[in-house]
mmCIF file of all heavy atoms, coordinates in Angstrom:
data_MODEL
# 
_entry.id   MODEL 
# 
loop_
_atom_site.group_PDB 
_atom_site.id 
_atom_site.type_symbol 
_atom_site.label_atom_id 
_atom_site.label_alt_id 
_atom_site.label_comp_id 
_atom_site.label_asym_id 
_atom_site.label_entity_id 
_atom_site.label_seq_id 
_atom_site.pdbx_PDB_ins_code 
_atom_site.Cartn_x 
_atom_site.Cartn_y 
_atom_site.Cartn_z 
_atom_site.occupancy 
_atom_site.B_iso_or_equiv 
_atom_site.pdbx_formal_charge 
_atom_site.auth_seq_id 
_atom_site.auth_comp_id 
_atom_site.auth_asym_id 
_atom_site.auth_atom_id 
_atom_site.pdbx_PDB_model_num 
ATOM 1   N N   . THR A 1 1  ? -94.692 -45.638 41.634 1.00 0.00 ? 1  THR A N   1 
ATOM 2   C CA  . THR A 1 1  ? -94.569 -46.011 40.224 1.00 0.00 ? 1  THR A CA  1 
ATOM 3   C C   . THR A 1 1  ? -93.403 -45.259 39.598 1.00 0.00 ? 1  THR A C   1 
ATOM 4   O O   . THR A 1 1  ? -92.779 -44.407 40.231 1.00 0.00 ? 1  THR A O   1 
ATOM 5   C CB  . THR A 1 1  ? -95.847 -45.675 39.442 1.00 0.00 ? 1  THR A CB  1 
ATOM 6   O OG1 . THR A 1 1  ? -95.993 -44.245 39.380 1.00 0.00 ? 1  THR A OG1 1 
ATOM 7   C CG2 . THR A 1 1  ? -97.085 -46.274 40.098 1.00 0.00 ? 1  THR A CG2 1 
ATOM 8   N N   . ALA A 1 2  ? -93.154 -45.576 38.333 1.00 0.00 ? 2  ALA A N   1 
ATOM 9   C CA  . ALA A 1 2  ? -92.083 -44.888 37.608 1.00 0.00 ? 2  ALA A CA  1 
ATOM 10  C C   . ALA A 1 2  ? -92.344 -43.385 37.528 1.00 0.00 ? 2  ALA A C   1 
ATOM 11  O O   . ALA A 1 2  ? -91.418 -42.583 37.457 1.00 0.00 ? 2  ALA A O   1 
ATOM 12  C CB  . ALA A 1 2  ? -91.934 -45.482 36.216 1.00 0.00 ? 2  ALA A CB  1 
ATOM 13  N N   . GLY A 1 3  ? -93.607 -42.992 37.559 1.00 0.00 ? 3  GLY A N   1 
ATOM 14  C CA  . GLY A 1 3  ? -93.943 -41.572 37.466 1.00 0.00 ? 3  GLY A CA  1 
ATOM 15  C C   . GLY A 1 3  ? -94.040 -40.872 38.802 1.00 0.00 ? 3  GLY A C   1 
ATOM 16  O O   . GLY A 1 3  ? -94.346 -39.673 38.860 1.00 0.00 ? 3  GLY A O   1 
ATOM 17  N N   . SER A 1 4  ? -93.793 -41.593 39.908 1.00 0.00 ? 4  SER A N   1 
ATOM 18  C CA  . SER A 1 4  ? -93.897 -40.989 41.239 1.00 0.00 ? 4  SER A CA  1 
ATOM 19  C C   . SER A 1 4  ? -92.789 -39.974 41.465 1.00 0.00 ? 4  SER A C   1 
ATOM 20  O O   . SER A 1 4  ? -91.659 -40.149 41.007 1.00 0.00 ? 4  SER A O   1 
ATOM 21  C CB  . SER A 1 4  ? -93.816 -42.072 42.319 1.00 0.00 ? 4  SER A CB  1 
ATOM 22  O OG  . SER A 1 4  ? -94.888 -42.977 42.227 1.00 0.00 ? 4  SER A OG  1 
ATOM 23  N N   . SER A 1 5  ? -93.121 -38.937 42.182 1.00 0.00 ? 5  SER A N   1 
ATOM 24  C CA  . SER A 1 5  ? -92.143 -37.920 42.529 1.00 0.00 ? 5  SER A CA  1 
ATOM 25  C C   . SER A 1 5  ? -91.542 -38.260 43.891 1.00 0.00 ? 5  SER A C   1 
ATOM 26  O O   . SER A 1 5  ? -92.241 -38.300 44.899 1.00 0.00 ? 5  SER A O   1 
ATOM 27  C CB  . SER A 1 5  ? -92.802 -36.543 42.572 1.00 0.00 ? 5  SER A CB  1 
ATOM 28  O OG  . SER A 1 5  ? -91.899 -35.567 43.029 1.00 0.00 ? 5  SER A OG  1 
ATOM 29  N N   . GLY A 1 6  ? -90.241 -38.551 43.925 1.00 0.00 ? 6  GLY A N   1 
ATOM 30  C CA  . GLY A 1 6  ? -89.587 -38.846 45.188 1.00 0.00 ? 6  GLY A CA  1 
ATOM 31  C C   . GLY A 1 6  ? -89.576 -40.319 45.538 1.00 0.00 ? 6  GLY A C   1 
ATOM 32  O O   . GLY A 1 6  ? -89.847 -41.195 44.714 1.00 0.00 ? 6  GLY A O   1 
ATOM 33  N N   . SER A 1 7  ? -89.284 -40.580 46.800 1.00 0.00 ? 7  SER A N   1 
ATOM 34  C CA  . SER A 1 7  ? -89.075 -41.942 47.286 1.00 0.00 ? 7  SER A CA  1 
ATOM 35  C C   . SER A 1 7  ? -90.373 -42.563 47.779 1.00 0.00 ? 7  SER A C   1 
ATOM 36  O O   . SER A 1 7  ? -91.435 -41.926 47.787 1.00 0.00 ? 7  SER A O   1 
ATOM 37  C CB  . SER A 1 7  ? -88.073 -41.923 48.440 1.00 0.00 ? 7  SER A CB  1 
ATOM 38  O OG  . SER A 1 7  ? -88.652 -41.285 49.574 1.00 0.00 ? 7  SER A OG  1 
ATOM 39  N N   . ALA A 1 8  ? -90.269 -43.817 48.235 1.00 0.00 ? 8  ALA A N   1 
ATOM 40  C CA  . ALA A 1 8  ? -91.424 -44.492 48.840 1.00 0.00 ? 8  ALA A CA  1 
ATOM 41  C C   . ALA A 1 8  ? -91.900 -43.722 50.067 1.00 0.00 ? 8  ALA A C   1 
ATOM 42  O O   . ALA A 1 8  ? -93.110 -43.595 50.304 1.00 0.00 ? 8  ALA A O   1 
ATOM 43  C CB  . ALA A 1 8  ? -91.034 -45.918 49.220 1.00 0.00 ? 8  ALA A CB  1 
ATOM 44  N N   . PHE A 1 9  ? -90.967 -43.177 50.850 1.00 0.00 ? 9  PHE A N   1 
ATOM 45  C CA  . PHE A 1 9  ? -91.356 -42.393 52.020 1.00 0.00 ? 9  PHE A CA  1 
ATOM 46  C C   . PHE A 1 9  ? -92.177 -41.172 51.621 1.00 0.00 ? 9  PHE A C   1 
ATOM 47  O O   . PHE A 1 9  ? -93.163 -40.823 52.267 1.00 0.00 ? 9  PHE A O   1 
ATOM 48  C CB  . PHE A 1 9  ? -90.106 -41.936 52.785 1.00 0.00 ? 9  PHE A CB  1 
ATOM 49  C CG  . PHE A 1 9  ? -89.287 -43.049 53.378 1.00 0.00 ? 9  PHE A CG  1 
ATOM 50  C CD1 . PHE A 1 9  ? -88.015 -43.319 52.903 1.00 0.00 ? 9  PHE A CD1 1 
ATOM 51  C CD2 . PHE A 1 9  ? -89.773 -43.813 54.424 1.00 0.00 ? 9  PHE A CD2 1 
ATOM 52  C CE1 . PHE A 1 9  ? -87.247 -44.329 53.457 1.00 0.00 ? 9  PHE A CE1 1 
ATOM 53  C CE2 . PHE A 1 9  ? -89.015 -44.825 54.994 1.00 0.00 ? 9  PHE A CE2 1 
ATOM 54  C CZ  . PHE A 1 9  ? -87.747 -45.088 54.498 1.00 0.00 ? 9  PHE A CZ  1 
ATOM 55  N N   . ASP A 1 10 ? -91.749 -40.508 50.562 1.00 0.00 ? 10 ASP A N   1 
ATOM 56  C CA  . ASP A 1 10 ? -92.442 -39.295 50.108 1.00 0.00 ? 10 ASP A CA  1 
ATOM 57  C C   . ASP A 1 10 ? -93.899 -39.567 49.764 1.00 0.00 ? 10 ASP A C   1 
ATOM 58  O O   . ASP A 1 10 ? -94.773 -38.716 49.981 1.00 0.00 ? 10 ASP A O   1 
ATOM 59  C CB  . ASP A 1 10 ? -91.730 -38.696 48.891 1.00 0.00 ? 10 ASP A CB  1 
ATOM 60  C CG  . ASP A 1 10 ? -90.355 -38.156 49.224 1.00 0.00 ? 10 ASP A CG  1 
ATOM 61  O OD1 . ASP A 1 10 ? -90.211 -37.551 50.300 1.00 0.00 ? 10 ASP A OD1 1 
ATOM 62  O OD2 . ASP A 1 10 ? -89.427 -38.345 48.416 1.00 0.00 ? 10 ASP A OD2 1 
ATOM 63  N N   . GLN A 1 11 ? -94.186 -40.751 49.213 1.00 0.00 ? 11 GLN A N   1 
ATOM 64  C CA  . GLN A 1 11 ? -95.565 -41.068 48.813 1.00 0.00 ? 11 GLN A CA  1 
ATOM 65  C C   . GLN A 1 11 ? -96.491 -41.144 50.023 1.00 0.00 ? 11 GLN A C   1 
ATOM 66  O O   . GLN A 1 11 ? -97.712 -41.000 49.896 1.00 0.00 ? 11 GLN A O   1 
ATOM 67  C CB  . GLN A 1 11 ? -95.621 -42.396 48.047 1.00 0.00 ? 11 GLN A CB  1 
ATOM 68  C CG  . GLN A 1 11 ? -94.663 -42.519 46.881 1.00 0.00 ? 11 GLN A CG  1 
ATOM 69  C CD  . GLN A 1 11 ? -94.637 -41.275 46.003 1.00 0.00 ? 11 GLN A CD  1 
ATOM 70  O OE1 . GLN A 1 11 ? -95.679 -40.823 45.518 1.00 0.00 ? 11 GLN A OE1 1 
ATOM 71  N NE2 . GLN A 1 11 ? -93.446 -40.722 45.794 1.00 0.00 ? 11 GLN A NE2 1 
ATOM 72  N N   . LEU A 1 12 ? -95.905 -41.378 51.201 1.00 0.00 ? 12 LEU A N   1 
ATOM 73  C CA  . LEU A 1 12 ? -96.691 -41.473 52.434 1.00 0.00 ? 12 LEU A CA  1 
ATOM 74  C C   . LEU A 1 12 ? -96.650 -40.191 53.255 1.00 0.00 ? 12 LEU A C   1 
ATOM 75  O O   . LEU A 1 12 ? -97.211 -40.129 54.347 1.00 0.00 ? 12 LEU A O   1 
ATOM 76  C CB  . LEU A 1 12 ? -96.168 -42.641 53.280 1.00 0.00 ? 12 LEU A CB  1 
ATOM 77  C CG  . LEU A 1 12 ? -96.277 -44.025 52.624 1.00 0.00 ? 12 LEU A CG  1 
ATOM 78  C CD1 . LEU A 1 12 ? -95.428 -45.041 53.385 1.00 0.00 ? 12 LEU A CD1 1 
ATOM 79  C CD2 . LEU A 1 12 ? -97.723 -44.491 52.565 1.00 0.00 ? 12 LEU A CD2 1 
ATOM 80  N N   . GLY A 1 13 ? -95.977 -39.167 52.727 1.00 0.00 ? 13 GLY A N   1 
ATOM 81  C CA  . GLY A 1 13 ? -95.903 -37.883 53.423 1.00 0.00 ? 13 GLY A CA  1 
ATOM 82  C C   . GLY A 1 13 ? -94.751 -37.757 54.391 1.00 0.00 ? 13 GLY A C   1 
ATOM 83  O O   . GLY A 1 13 ? -94.688 -36.796 55.161 1.00 0.00 ? 13 GLY A O   1 
ATOM 84  N N   . LEU A 1 14 ? -93.813 -38.722 54.369 1.00 0.00 ? 14 LEU A N   1 
ATOM 85  C CA  . LEU A 1 14 ? -92.680 -38.719 55.295 1.00 0.00 ? 14 LEU A CA  1 
ATOM 86  C C   . LEU A 1 14 ? -91.465 -38.067 54.640 1.00 0.00 ? 14 LEU A C   1 
ATOM 87  O O   . LEU A 1 14 ? -91.018 -38.512 53.584 1.00 0.00 ? 14 LEU A O   1 
ATOM 88  C CB  . LEU A 1 14 ? -92.338 -40.154 55.702 1.00 0.00 ? 14 LEU A CB  1 
ATOM 89  C CG  . LEU A 1 14 ? -93.454 -40.927 56.414 1.00 0.00 ? 14 LEU A CG  1 
ATOM 90  C CD1 . LEU A 1 14 ? -93.096 -42.407 56.494 1.00 0.00 ? 14 LEU A CD1 1 
ATOM 91  C CD2 . LEU A 1 14 ? -93.705 -40.356 57.805 1.00 0.00 ? 14 LEU A CD2 1 
ATOM 92  N N   . ALA A 1 15 ? -90.932 -37.025 55.260 1.00 0.00 ? 15 ALA A N   1 
ATOM 93  C CA  . ALA A 1 15 ? -89.742 -36.350 54.729 1.00 0.00 ? 15 ALA A CA  1 
ATOM 94  C C   . ALA A 1 15 ? -88.554 -37.292 54.821 1.00 0.00 ? 15 ALA A C   1 
ATOM 95  O O   . ALA A 1 15 ? -88.348 -37.962 55.833 1.00 0.00 ? 15 ALA A O   1 
ATOM 96  C CB  . ALA A 1 15 ? -89.468 -35.078 55.528 1.00 0.00 ? 15 ALA A CB  1 
ATOM 97  N N   . SER A 1 16 ? -87.775 -37.383 53.743 1.00 0.00 ? 16 SER A N   1 
ATOM 98  C CA  . SER A 1 16 ? -86.663 -38.337 53.745 1.00 0.00 ? 16 SER A CA  1 
ATOM 99  C C   . SER A 1 16 ? -85.712 -38.046 52.596 1.00 0.00 ? 16 SER A C   1 
ATOM 100 O O   . SER A 1 16 ? -85.950 -37.179 51.761 1.00 0.00 ? 16 SER A O   1 
ATOM 101 C CB  . SER A 1 16 ? -87.199 -39.757 53.582 1.00 0.00 ? 16 SER A CB  1 
ATOM 102 O OG  . SER A 1 16 ? -87.671 -39.951 52.265 1.00 0.00 ? 16 SER A OG  1 
ATOM 103 N N   . GLY A 1 17 ? -84.668 -38.866 52.530 1.00 0.00 ? 17 GLY A N   1 
ATOM 104 C CA  . GLY A 1 17 ? -83.817 -38.893 51.348 1.00 0.00 ? 17 GLY A CA  1 
ATOM 105 C C   . GLY A 1 17 ? -84.510 -39.684 50.244 1.00 0.00 ? 17 GLY A C   1 
ATOM 106 O O   . GLY A 1 17 ? -85.583 -40.249 50.454 1.00 0.00 ? 17 GLY A O   1 
ATOM 107 N N   . GLY A 1 18 ? -83.898 -39.760 49.082 1.00 0.00 ? 18 GLY A N   1 
ATOM 108 C CA  . GLY A 1 18 ? -84.600 -40.326 47.938 1.00 0.00 ? 18 GLY A CA  1 
ATOM 109 C C   . GLY A 1 18 ? -84.088 -41.638 47.398 1.00 0.00 ? 18 GLY A C   1 
ATOM 110 O O   . GLY A 1 18 ? -84.434 -42.023 46.285 1.00 0.00 ? 18 GLY A O   1 
ATOM 111 N N   . SER A 1 19 ? -83.258 -42.394 48.162 1.00 0.00 ? 19 SER A N   1 
ATOM 112 C CA  . SER A 1 19 ? -82.653 -43.583 47.565 1.00 0.00 ? 19 SER A CA  1 
ATOM 113 C C   . SER A 1 19 ? -83.604 -44.767 47.451 1.00 0.00 ? 19 SER A C   1 
ATOM 114 O O   . SER A 1 19 ? -83.376 -45.661 46.639 1.00 0.00 ? 19 SER A O   1 
ATOM 115 C CB  . SER A 1 19 ? -81.398 -43.988 48.346 1.00 0.00 ? 19 SER A CB  1 
ATOM 116 O OG  . SER A 1 19 ? -81.718 -44.358 49.666 1.00 0.00 ? 19 SER A OG  1 
ATOM 117 N N   . ASP A 1 20 ? -84.662 -44.808 48.267 1.00 0.00 ? 20 ASP A N   1 
ATOM 118 C CA  . ASP A 1 20 ? -85.657 -45.882 48.126 1.00 0.00 ? 20 ASP A CA  1 
ATOM 119 C C   . ASP A 1 20 ? -86.690 -45.454 47.090 1.00 0.00 ? 20 ASP A C   1 
ATOM 120 O O   . ASP A 1 20 ? -87.862 -45.222 47.392 1.00 0.00 ? 20 ASP A O   1 
ATOM 121 C CB  . ASP A 1 20 ? -86.294 -46.210 49.477 1.00 0.00 ? 20 ASP A CB  1 
ATOM 122 C CG  . ASP A 1 20 ? -85.472 -47.221 50.245 1.00 0.00 ? 20 ASP A CG  1 
ATOM 123 O OD1 . ASP A 1 20 ? -85.252 -48.320 49.715 1.00 0.00 ? 20 ASP A OD1 1 
ATOM 124 O OD2 . ASP A 1 20 ? -85.031 -46.908 51.368 1.00 0.00 ? 20 ASP A OD2 1 
ATOM 125 N N   . SER A 1 21 ? -86.238 -45.403 45.850 1.00 0.00 ? 21 SER A N   1 
ATOM 126 C CA  . SER A 1 21 ? -87.040 -44.923 44.733 1.00 0.00 ? 21 SER A CA  1 
ATOM 127 C C   . SER A 1 21 ? -87.516 -46.081 43.863 1.00 0.00 ? 21 SER A C   1 
ATOM 128 O O   . SER A 1 21 ? -87.022 -47.210 43.972 1.00 0.00 ? 21 SER A O   1 
ATOM 129 C CB  . SER A 1 21 ? -86.209 -43.973 43.874 1.00 0.00 ? 21 SER A CB  1 
ATOM 130 O OG  . SER A 1 21 ? -85.104 -44.681 43.314 1.00 0.00 ? 21 SER A OG  1 
ATOM 131 N N   . PHE A 1 22 ? -88.450 -45.791 42.975 1.00 0.00 ? 22 PHE A N   1 
ATOM 132 C CA  . PHE A 1 22 ? -88.922 -46.816 42.042 1.00 0.00 ? 22 PHE A CA  1 
ATOM 133 C C   . PHE A 1 22 ? -87.773 -47.311 41.168 1.00 0.00 ? 22 PHE A C   1 
ATOM 134 O O   . PHE A 1 22 ? -87.664 -48.513 40.895 1.00 0.00 ? 22 PHE A O   1 
ATOM 135 C CB  . PHE A 1 22 ? -90.043 -46.255 41.155 1.00 0.00 ? 22 PHE A CB  1 
ATOM 136 C CG  . PHE A 1 22 ? -90.571 -47.261 40.175 1.00 0.00 ? 22 PHE A CG  1 
ATOM 137 C CD1 . PHE A 1 22 ? -91.577 -48.143 40.521 1.00 0.00 ? 22 PHE A CD1 1 
ATOM 138 C CD2 . PHE A 1 22 ? -90.046 -47.342 38.881 1.00 0.00 ? 22 PHE A CD2 1 
ATOM 139 C CE1 . PHE A 1 22 ? -92.051 -49.096 39.616 1.00 0.00 ? 22 PHE A CE1 1 
ATOM 140 C CE2 . PHE A 1 22 ? -90.504 -48.284 37.970 1.00 0.00 ? 22 PHE A CE2 1 
ATOM 141 C CZ  . PHE A 1 22 ? -91.522 -49.165 38.339 1.00 0.00 ? 22 PHE A CZ  1 
ATOM 142 N N   . VAL A 1 23 ? -86.922 -46.407 40.742 1.00 0.00 ? 23 VAL A N   1 
ATOM 143 C CA  . VAL A 1 23 ? -85.803 -46.787 39.868 1.00 0.00 ? 23 VAL A CA  1 
ATOM 144 C C   . VAL A 1 23 ? -84.898 -47.811 40.561 1.00 0.00 ? 23 VAL A C   1 
ATOM 145 O O   . VAL A 1 23 ? -84.538 -48.841 39.979 1.00 0.00 ? 23 VAL A O   1 
ATOM 146 C CB  . VAL A 1 23 ? -84.993 -45.539 39.451 1.00 0.00 ? 23 VAL A CB  1 
ATOM 147 C CG1 . VAL A 1 23 ? -83.701 -45.941 38.751 1.00 0.00 ? 23 VAL A CG1 1 
ATOM 148 C CG2 . VAL A 1 23 ? -85.825 -44.648 38.527 1.00 0.00 ? 23 VAL A CG2 1 
ATOM 149 N N   . ASN A 1 24 ? -84.533 -47.538 41.818 1.00 0.00 ? 24 ASN A N   1 
ATOM 150 C CA  . ASN A 1 24 ? -83.654 -48.464 42.538 1.00 0.00 ? 24 ASN A CA  1 
ATOM 151 C C   . ASN A 1 24 ? -84.332 -49.795 42.826 1.00 0.00 ? 24 ASN A C   1 
ATOM 152 O O   . ASN A 1 24 ? -83.723 -50.858 42.702 1.00 0.00 ? 24 ASN A O   1 
ATOM 153 C CB  . ASN A 1 24 ? -83.156 -47.822 43.832 1.00 0.00 ? 24 ASN A CB  1 
ATOM 154 C CG  . ASN A 1 24 ? -82.068 -46.800 43.595 1.00 0.00 ? 24 ASN A CG  1 
ATOM 155 O OD1 . ASN A 1 24 ? -81.423 -46.784 42.545 1.00 0.00 ? 24 ASN A OD1 1 
ATOM 156 N ND2 . ASN A 1 24 ? -81.860 -45.918 44.558 1.00 0.00 ? 24 ASN A ND2 1 
ATOM 157 N N   . TRP A 1 25 ? -85.587 -49.740 43.237 1.00 0.00 ? 25 TRP A N   1 
ATOM 158 C CA  . TRP A 1 25 ? -86.307 -50.983 43.534 1.00 0.00 ? 25 TRP A CA  1 
ATOM 159 C C   . TRP A 1 25 ? -86.497 -51.814 42.260 1.00 0.00 ? 25 TRP A C   1 
ATOM 160 O O   . TRP A 1 25 ? -86.282 -53.022 42.258 1.00 0.00 ? 25 TRP A O   1 
ATOM 161 C CB  . TRP A 1 25 ? -87.651 -50.669 44.173 1.00 0.00 ? 25 TRP A CB  1 
ATOM 162 C CG  . TRP A 1 25 ? -87.559 -50.235 45.602 1.00 0.00 ? 25 TRP A CG  1 
ATOM 163 C CD1 . TRP A 1 25 ? -86.423 -49.930 46.305 1.00 0.00 ? 25 TRP A CD1 1 
ATOM 164 C CD2 . TRP A 1 25 ? -88.644 -50.046 46.513 1.00 0.00 ? 25 TRP A CD2 1 
ATOM 165 N NE1 . TRP A 1 25 ? -86.733 -49.567 47.591 1.00 0.00 ? 25 TRP A NE1 1 
ATOM 166 C CE2 . TRP A 1 25 ? -88.080 -49.626 47.758 1.00 0.00 ? 25 TRP A CE2 1 
ATOM 167 C CE3 . TRP A 1 25 ? -90.025 -50.167 46.415 1.00 0.00 ? 25 TRP A CE3 1 
ATOM 168 C CZ2 . TRP A 1 25 ? -88.866 -49.354 48.881 1.00 0.00 ? 25 TRP A CZ2 1 
ATOM 169 C CZ3 . TRP A 1 25 ? -90.816 -49.895 47.533 1.00 0.00 ? 25 TRP A CZ3 1 
ATOM 170 C CH2 . TRP A 1 25 ? -90.246 -49.492 48.751 1.00 0.00 ? 25 TRP A CH2 1 
ATOM 171 N N   . SER A 1 26 ? -86.900 -51.167 41.191 1.00 0.00 ? 26 SER A N   1 
ATOM 172 C CA  . SER A 1 26 ? -87.092 -51.874 39.932 1.00 0.00 ? 26 SER A CA  1 
ATOM 173 C C   . SER A 1 26 ? -85.785 -52.489 39.446 1.00 0.00 ? 26 SER A C   1 
ATOM 174 O O   . SER A 1 26 ? -85.747 -53.641 38.984 1.00 0.00 ? 26 SER A O   1 
ATOM 175 C CB  . SER A 1 26 ? -87.648 -50.905 38.874 1.00 0.00 ? 26 SER A CB  1 
ATOM 176 O OG  . SER A 1 26 ? -87.783 -51.542 37.633 1.00 0.00 ? 26 SER A OG  1 
ATOM 177 N N   . GLY A 1 27 ? -84.688 -51.747 39.573 1.00 0.00 ? 27 GLY A N   1 
ATOM 178 C CA  . GLY A 1 27 ? -83.387 -52.257 39.165 1.00 0.00 ? 27 GLY A CA  1 
ATOM 179 C C   . GLY A 1 27 ? -82.963 -53.467 39.971 1.00 0.00 ? 27 GLY A C   1 
ATOM 180 O O   . GLY A 1 27 ? -82.386 -54.420 39.434 1.00 0.00 ? 27 GLY A O   1 
ATOM 181 N N   . ALA A 1 28 ? -83.257 -53.454 41.269 1.00 0.00 ? 28 ALA A N   1 
ATOM 182 C CA  . ALA A 1 28 ? -82.930 -54.609 42.114 1.00 0.00 ? 28 ALA A CA  1 
ATOM 183 C C   . ALA A 1 28 ? -83.754 -55.824 41.702 1.00 0.00 ? 28 ALA A C   1 
ATOM 184 O O   . ALA A 1 28 ? -83.244 -56.953 41.667 1.00 0.00 ? 28 ALA A O   1 
ATOM 185 C CB  . ALA A 1 28 ? -83.172 -54.276 43.581 1.00 0.00 ? 28 ALA A CB  1 
ATOM 186 N N   . ASP A 1 29 ? -85.017 -55.609 41.395 1.00 0.00 ? 29 ASP A N   1 
ATOM 187 C CA  . ASP A 1 29 ? -85.871 -56.728 40.965 1.00 0.00 ? 29 ASP A CA  1 
ATOM 188 C C   . ASP A 1 29 ? -85.344 -57.377 39.685 1.00 0.00 ? 29 ASP A C   1 
ATOM 189 O O   . ASP A 1 29 ? -85.174 -58.595 39.617 1.00 0.00 ? 29 ASP A O   1 
ATOM 190 C CB  . ASP A 1 29 ? -87.313 -56.246 40.737 1.00 0.00 ? 29 ASP A CB  1 
ATOM 191 C CG  . ASP A 1 29 ? -88.142 -56.248 42.020 1.00 0.00 ? 29 ASP A CG  1 
ATOM 192 O OD1 . ASP A 1 29 ? -87.860 -57.082 42.905 1.00 0.00 ? 29 ASP A OD1 1 
ATOM 193 O OD2 . ASP A 1 29 ? -89.062 -55.429 42.133 1.00 0.00 ? 29 ASP A OD2 1 
# 
């Protein structure tokens, strides 16, 4: 969600970079 900390990977416990974020996904939509 917009309030999530980090990327989609982070929400699942996977260490990663942060470009697959809610902001980027929402902007693409």
